[in-house]
Protein backbone atom coordinates (compact mmCIF):
# COMPACT_ATOMS: atom_id res chain seq x y z
CA MET A 1 -23.14 -169.68 226.23
CA VAL A 2 -25.61 -171.46 224.25
CA SER A 3 -25.25 -171.97 220.72
CA ALA A 4 -27.88 -171.88 218.48
CA VAL A 5 -28.44 -174.32 215.47
CA PHE A 6 -30.41 -173.68 212.17
CA HIS A 7 -32.01 -175.60 210.43
CA SER A 8 -33.25 -175.58 206.81
CA PRO A 9 -36.73 -175.91 206.53
CA LEU A 10 -35.92 -178.43 203.51
CA GLU A 11 -34.28 -180.60 205.75
CA GLY A 12 -37.51 -181.87 207.39
CA LEU A 13 -38.76 -182.56 204.06
CA ALA A 14 -35.83 -184.63 203.14
CA SER A 15 -35.87 -186.58 206.21
CA THR A 16 -39.62 -187.11 205.93
CA LYS A 17 -40.51 -190.51 204.84
CA VAL A 18 -43.37 -190.58 202.27
CA GLU A 19 -44.50 -194.34 202.32
CA ALA A 20 -46.37 -195.14 199.23
CA PRO A 21 -49.50 -197.44 199.42
CA ALA A 22 -48.71 -200.85 198.97
CA ILE A 23 -49.46 -202.21 195.59
CA ALA A 24 -49.45 -206.28 194.81
CA ALA A 25 -46.36 -206.69 192.71
CA VAL A 26 -47.43 -208.35 189.38
CA PRO A 27 -44.72 -211.29 188.49
CA THR A 28 -43.40 -210.66 185.09
CA PRO A 29 -42.04 -213.34 183.19
CA ALA A 30 -38.35 -213.83 182.57
CA PRO A 31 -37.10 -212.86 179.08
CA ALA A 32 -36.49 -215.98 176.97
CA PRO A 33 -32.78 -216.32 176.81
CA VAL A 34 -31.64 -215.20 173.25
CA VAL A 35 -29.51 -218.47 171.90
CA GLN A 36 -27.99 -218.00 168.99
CA GLY A 37 -28.07 -221.35 166.93
CA ARG A 38 -25.16 -222.33 164.88
CA ARG A 39 -27.34 -221.89 161.78
CA GLY A 40 -28.59 -218.59 162.74
CA TRP A 41 -24.47 -217.51 162.93
CA ASP A 42 -24.03 -219.41 159.43
CA LEU A 43 -26.75 -217.79 157.54
CA ARG A 44 -25.67 -214.28 159.06
CA PHE A 45 -22.32 -215.02 157.96
CA LEU A 46 -23.16 -216.33 154.81
CA TRP A 47 -25.16 -212.83 154.33
CA THR A 48 -22.94 -210.35 155.25
CA ALA A 49 -19.42 -211.80 154.10
CA VAL A 50 -19.72 -214.88 151.34
CA LEU A 51 -22.68 -213.88 149.51
CA PRO A 52 -21.63 -209.98 148.51
CA PRO A 53 -18.46 -211.25 146.98
CA VAL A 54 -19.84 -214.24 145.42
CA LEU A 55 -22.54 -212.26 143.45
CA GLY A 56 -19.78 -209.44 142.65
CA LEU A 57 -17.78 -212.47 140.35
CA VAL A 58 -21.23 -214.00 139.15
CA PHE A 59 -21.73 -210.29 138.00
CA LEU A 60 -18.28 -210.07 136.15
CA VAL A 61 -18.64 -213.49 134.55
CA THR A 62 -21.80 -212.35 133.37
CA VAL A 63 -20.97 -209.28 131.81
CA TRP A 64 -17.28 -211.32 130.21
CA ALA A 65 -19.80 -213.87 128.89
CA VAL A 66 -21.98 -211.58 127.37
CA VAL A 67 -19.36 -209.58 125.74
CA ALA A 68 -17.28 -212.55 124.61
CA GLY A 69 -20.50 -214.05 122.90
CA ASN A 70 -20.26 -211.50 120.32
CA GLY A 71 -17.96 -213.12 118.16
CA SER A 72 -16.53 -209.74 116.48
CA SER A 73 -15.31 -208.71 120.02
CA GLY A 74 -12.21 -211.43 119.65
CA ILE A 75 -12.47 -211.81 123.81
CA PRO A 76 -12.15 -215.55 124.70
CA THR A 77 -15.35 -216.91 126.67
CA PRO A 78 -14.96 -217.81 130.46
CA LEU A 79 -14.81 -221.54 129.56
CA GLU A 80 -12.30 -221.19 126.90
CA THR A 81 -10.00 -218.94 129.45
CA TRP A 82 -10.75 -221.99 132.17
CA LYS A 83 -9.61 -224.39 130.00
CA GLN A 84 -6.05 -222.28 128.94
CA ALA A 85 -5.55 -221.34 132.55
CA LEU A 86 -5.75 -225.07 133.81
CA LYS A 87 -3.09 -226.02 130.61
CA VAL A 88 -0.98 -222.86 132.12
CA PHE A 89 -1.10 -223.87 135.74
CA ALA A 90 -0.33 -227.39 134.86
CA ASP A 91 3.80 -226.56 135.01
CA PRO A 92 3.66 -222.86 135.91
CA PHE A 93 7.99 -223.35 136.52
CA TYR A 94 8.61 -224.83 133.08
CA ARG A 95 11.75 -223.63 131.34
CA VAL A 96 12.50 -223.89 127.91
CA GLY A 97 14.54 -221.10 126.95
CA PRO A 98 15.29 -217.40 128.18
CA ASN A 99 12.04 -216.31 126.64
CA ASP A 100 10.00 -219.10 127.00
CA GLN A 101 9.14 -219.95 130.55
CA GLY A 102 6.33 -220.61 133.02
CA VAL A 103 3.86 -217.99 134.29
CA GLY A 104 5.37 -218.92 137.79
CA TRP A 105 9.15 -217.61 137.00
CA ASN A 106 7.60 -214.46 135.35
CA VAL A 107 5.82 -213.66 138.20
CA LEU A 108 8.80 -214.53 140.48
CA MET A 109 11.42 -212.42 138.33
CA SER A 110 8.35 -209.24 138.48
CA LEU A 111 8.32 -209.61 142.44
CA GLN A 112 12.20 -209.51 142.44
CA ARG A 113 12.33 -206.68 140.69
CA VAL A 114 9.72 -204.99 142.89
CA ALA A 115 11.82 -205.93 146.03
CA ILE A 116 14.86 -204.54 144.68
CA GLY A 117 13.42 -201.35 143.81
CA PHE A 118 11.18 -200.98 146.78
CA GLY A 119 14.10 -201.69 149.31
CA LEU A 120 16.47 -199.28 147.49
CA ALA A 121 13.50 -196.60 147.87
CA ALA A 122 12.68 -197.24 151.44
CA ALA A 123 16.43 -197.09 152.43
CA VAL A 124 16.49 -193.50 150.90
CA GLY A 125 12.93 -192.53 151.28
CA ILE A 126 12.29 -193.17 155.02
CA PRO A 127 15.26 -191.43 156.45
CA ALA A 128 14.56 -188.58 154.21
CA GLY A 129 10.68 -188.23 155.11
CA PHE A 130 12.45 -188.50 158.90
CA ALA A 131 14.74 -185.48 158.13
CA ILE A 132 12.32 -183.34 156.01
CA GLY A 133 9.41 -183.43 158.87
CA ARG A 134 11.96 -183.20 161.95
CA PHE A 135 13.66 -179.99 160.35
CA GLU A 136 11.66 -176.96 159.16
CA PHE A 137 14.58 -175.76 156.74
CA LEU A 138 14.81 -179.11 155.19
CA SER A 139 11.02 -179.20 154.40
CA ARG A 140 11.01 -175.70 153.06
CA MET A 141 14.06 -176.68 151.00
CA PHE A 142 12.78 -179.98 149.42
CA ASN A 143 8.83 -179.58 149.39
CA PRO A 144 8.98 -177.67 145.90
CA LEU A 145 10.92 -180.35 144.57
CA ILE A 146 8.40 -183.08 145.87
CA SER A 147 5.79 -180.95 144.33
CA LEU A 148 7.56 -181.07 141.04
CA LEU A 149 8.56 -184.72 141.03
CA ARG A 150 5.64 -186.44 142.17
CA PRO A 151 3.23 -185.74 139.47
CA VAL A 152 5.59 -187.13 137.01
CA SER A 153 4.37 -190.46 135.24
CA PRO A 154 6.66 -193.22 136.70
CA LEU A 155 7.35 -194.84 132.73
CA ALA A 156 8.44 -191.26 132.25
CA TRP A 157 11.75 -192.08 134.03
CA LEU A 158 12.18 -195.26 132.19
CA PRO A 159 14.40 -193.47 129.36
CA ILE A 160 16.69 -192.13 131.67
CA GLY A 161 17.19 -195.45 133.66
CA LEU A 162 17.97 -197.05 130.13
CA LEU A 163 20.43 -194.01 129.00
CA VAL A 164 21.92 -194.15 132.89
CA PHE A 165 22.48 -197.89 133.44
CA LYS A 166 22.40 -199.21 129.76
CA GLY A 167 20.33 -202.19 130.76
CA ALA A 168 16.60 -203.31 130.64
CA ASN A 169 16.79 -205.01 134.02
CA PRO A 170 18.17 -202.11 136.13
CA ALA A 171 16.01 -199.51 134.20
CA ALA A 172 12.88 -201.34 135.43
CA ILE A 173 14.25 -201.36 139.06
CA TRP A 174 15.16 -197.83 138.82
CA THR A 175 11.59 -196.86 137.71
CA ILE A 176 10.09 -198.83 140.57
CA PHE A 177 12.29 -196.82 143.01
CA ILE A 178 11.52 -193.20 141.27
CA CYS A 179 7.69 -194.38 141.55
CA SER A 180 7.80 -195.93 145.41
CA ILE A 181 9.89 -193.10 146.97
CA TRP A 182 7.54 -190.24 147.32
CA PRO A 183 4.83 -192.39 149.11
CA MET A 184 7.19 -193.23 151.80
CA ILE A 185 8.67 -189.88 151.95
CA ILE A 186 5.35 -188.19 151.97
CA ASN A 187 3.32 -190.22 154.54
CA THR A 188 6.60 -190.22 156.95
CA ALA A 189 7.06 -186.54 156.33
CA VAL A 190 3.65 -185.89 157.59
CA GLY A 191 3.80 -188.12 160.43
CA VAL A 192 6.65 -186.77 161.78
CA GLN A 193 5.28 -183.19 161.55
CA ARG A 194 1.89 -184.62 163.56
CA VAL A 195 3.88 -185.66 166.56
CA PRO A 196 2.31 -183.61 169.54
CA GLN A 197 4.65 -180.65 170.56
CA ASP A 198 4.06 -181.39 174.29
CA TYR A 199 5.91 -184.52 173.13
CA MET A 200 8.83 -182.48 172.00
CA ASN A 201 9.14 -180.03 174.83
CA VAL A 202 9.43 -182.88 177.60
CA ALA A 203 12.28 -184.07 174.86
CA ARG A 204 13.77 -180.67 175.35
CA VAL A 205 13.40 -180.28 178.71
CA LEU A 206 15.10 -183.79 179.40
CA ASN A 207 17.49 -182.73 176.96
CA LEU A 208 17.62 -185.84 174.90
CA SER A 209 19.72 -186.49 172.26
CA GLU A 210 18.55 -186.71 168.55
CA TRP A 211 18.87 -190.46 168.59
CA LYS A 212 16.80 -190.73 171.82
CA ILE A 213 13.96 -188.36 170.28
CA PHE A 214 13.92 -190.66 167.14
CA THR A 215 13.81 -193.95 168.82
CA LYS A 216 11.69 -192.95 172.11
CA ILE A 217 9.28 -190.62 170.42
CA LEU A 218 9.38 -189.94 166.55
CA PHE A 219 9.56 -193.81 165.67
CA PRO A 220 6.36 -194.84 167.75
CA ALA A 221 4.65 -192.11 166.62
CA VAL A 222 5.35 -192.10 162.90
CA LEU A 223 4.93 -195.90 162.47
CA PRO A 224 1.13 -196.35 161.41
CA TYR A 225 2.03 -192.98 158.71
CA LEU A 226 5.56 -195.17 157.51
CA LEU A 227 3.18 -198.36 157.29
CA THR A 228 0.93 -196.74 155.07
CA GLY A 229 3.30 -194.96 152.83
CA VAL A 230 4.96 -198.53 152.22
CA ARG A 231 1.69 -200.08 151.49
CA LEU A 232 1.03 -197.28 148.80
CA ALA A 233 4.39 -197.67 147.47
CA VAL A 234 4.14 -201.70 147.31
CA GLY A 235 0.60 -200.97 145.10
CA THR A 236 2.11 -198.49 142.85
CA ALA A 237 5.53 -200.31 142.51
CA TRP A 238 3.24 -203.29 141.32
CA LEU A 239 1.40 -201.45 138.93
CA VAL A 240 4.36 -200.01 137.74
CA ILE A 241 6.53 -203.35 137.06
CA VAL A 242 3.77 -204.57 134.42
CA ALA A 243 4.28 -201.67 132.21
CA ALA A 244 7.78 -201.70 132.89
CA GLU A 245 8.27 -205.07 131.45
CA MET A 246 6.18 -204.81 128.73
CA LEU A 247 8.36 -201.91 127.48
CA THR A 248 12.15 -203.36 128.34
CA GLY A 249 11.12 -207.04 127.63
CA GLY A 250 12.90 -209.86 128.91
CA VAL A 251 11.47 -212.29 131.53
CA GLY A 252 8.53 -210.90 133.93
CA ILE A 253 4.77 -210.77 134.07
CA GLY A 254 4.60 -207.67 131.72
CA PHE A 255 7.13 -209.38 129.19
CA TRP A 256 4.89 -212.16 129.08
CA ILE A 257 1.34 -210.56 128.48
CA TRP A 258 3.32 -208.91 125.67
CA ASP A 259 4.50 -212.15 124.69
CA GLU A 260 1.08 -213.88 124.47
CA TRP A 261 -0.66 -210.58 122.73
CA ASN A 262 2.27 -210.89 119.90
CA ASN A 263 1.10 -214.83 119.48
CA LEU A 264 -2.58 -213.78 119.45
CA ASN A 265 -3.02 -215.71 122.61
CA VAL A 266 -5.72 -213.49 124.18
CA ALA A 267 -6.56 -216.07 126.96
CA SER A 268 -3.53 -216.12 128.23
CA ILE A 269 -3.62 -212.56 128.52
CA ILE A 270 -6.76 -212.33 130.83
CA ILE A 271 -5.29 -214.94 132.67
CA ALA A 272 -2.36 -212.90 133.55
CA ILE A 273 -4.46 -210.37 134.42
CA PHE A 274 -6.45 -212.31 137.09
CA VAL A 275 -2.66 -213.11 138.38
CA ILE A 276 -1.71 -209.86 138.64
CA GLY A 277 -4.51 -208.91 140.45
CA ILE A 278 -4.29 -211.94 142.72
CA VAL A 279 -0.61 -210.96 143.71
CA GLY A 280 -1.31 -207.66 144.32
CA LEU A 281 -4.02 -208.34 146.42
CA VAL A 282 -2.24 -210.40 148.75
CA LEU A 283 0.23 -207.91 148.93
CA GLU A 284 -2.25 -205.41 149.80
CA PHE A 285 -3.30 -207.95 152.52
CA GLY A 286 -0.15 -208.83 154.17
CA LEU A 287 0.92 -204.84 154.51
CA ILE A 288 -2.71 -204.15 156.33
CA LYS A 289 -2.48 -206.83 158.47
CA LEU A 290 1.21 -206.27 159.57
CA ALA A 291 -0.02 -202.40 159.96
CA THR A 292 -2.59 -203.22 162.22
CA LEU A 293 -0.22 -205.09 164.20
CA PHE A 294 1.30 -201.57 164.98
CA THR A 295 -1.67 -199.44 165.21
CA PHE A 296 -2.63 -198.80 168.76
CA GLU A 297 -6.83 -197.04 169.65
CA GLU A 298 -6.55 -194.62 172.22
CA VAL A 299 -8.21 -196.27 175.16
CA LYS A 300 -11.70 -194.11 176.27
CA SER A 301 -12.17 -193.38 179.84
């Protein structure tokens, strides 16, 4: 038996080697290594990270000085405010009486109220968010109530707190609680609802208990959403506590501002504004750093 072997006409072309005429190679100079000097990096860092915020502060102080230059405004100049700040922070933790305390004690009291109200809101809002996101019946039941109550101003709840708790301090904590609970409920519920359905199908096939589903699937997947809700809630609570303390009195940064206004000490009010902003910035920065520890990016193959 003779076996015939057929060859494609392209095989000969593919196997044929065509030699190009030899061309003398022209030596090309090697690229000079890129050396980032210390000065180059310093200039880049100054241009991108240091210069913009410095210019922003200069702009703020310039506008402030221009407005304060008009004697009819009653606003102290930046230099006068700086001199007052040196006096205020020379002894921020002095205590003469219940209504005469340093700015440090007032900030700590406000942070204590925020911590208590926020802690109670987290203890109620986070489990409620998991339940509302996990069970459709509860979602349909509570979504109208959340949509109705969430837009209400937090200070509108303050008289209810005064009526129920018969005290300014618990009423302020109640106001913090009611304004902090909504971001945590909503963000946690949205995170649960966005868990991929494939994960839940696998849990159903494996016949996992609700506790296993919560600890092994829901909680790790929902944690970034939960931390976002926590960050929004803390920011809102710190905004609200100042207004609540202005209305309720006692010790706190809000009451300190109102007391300085009654004493016509506008420089101290401006100092308190900066203190509130710095404390809020520190809280925001800390929570953002905490969120980055639990945020995982998908690895692209």
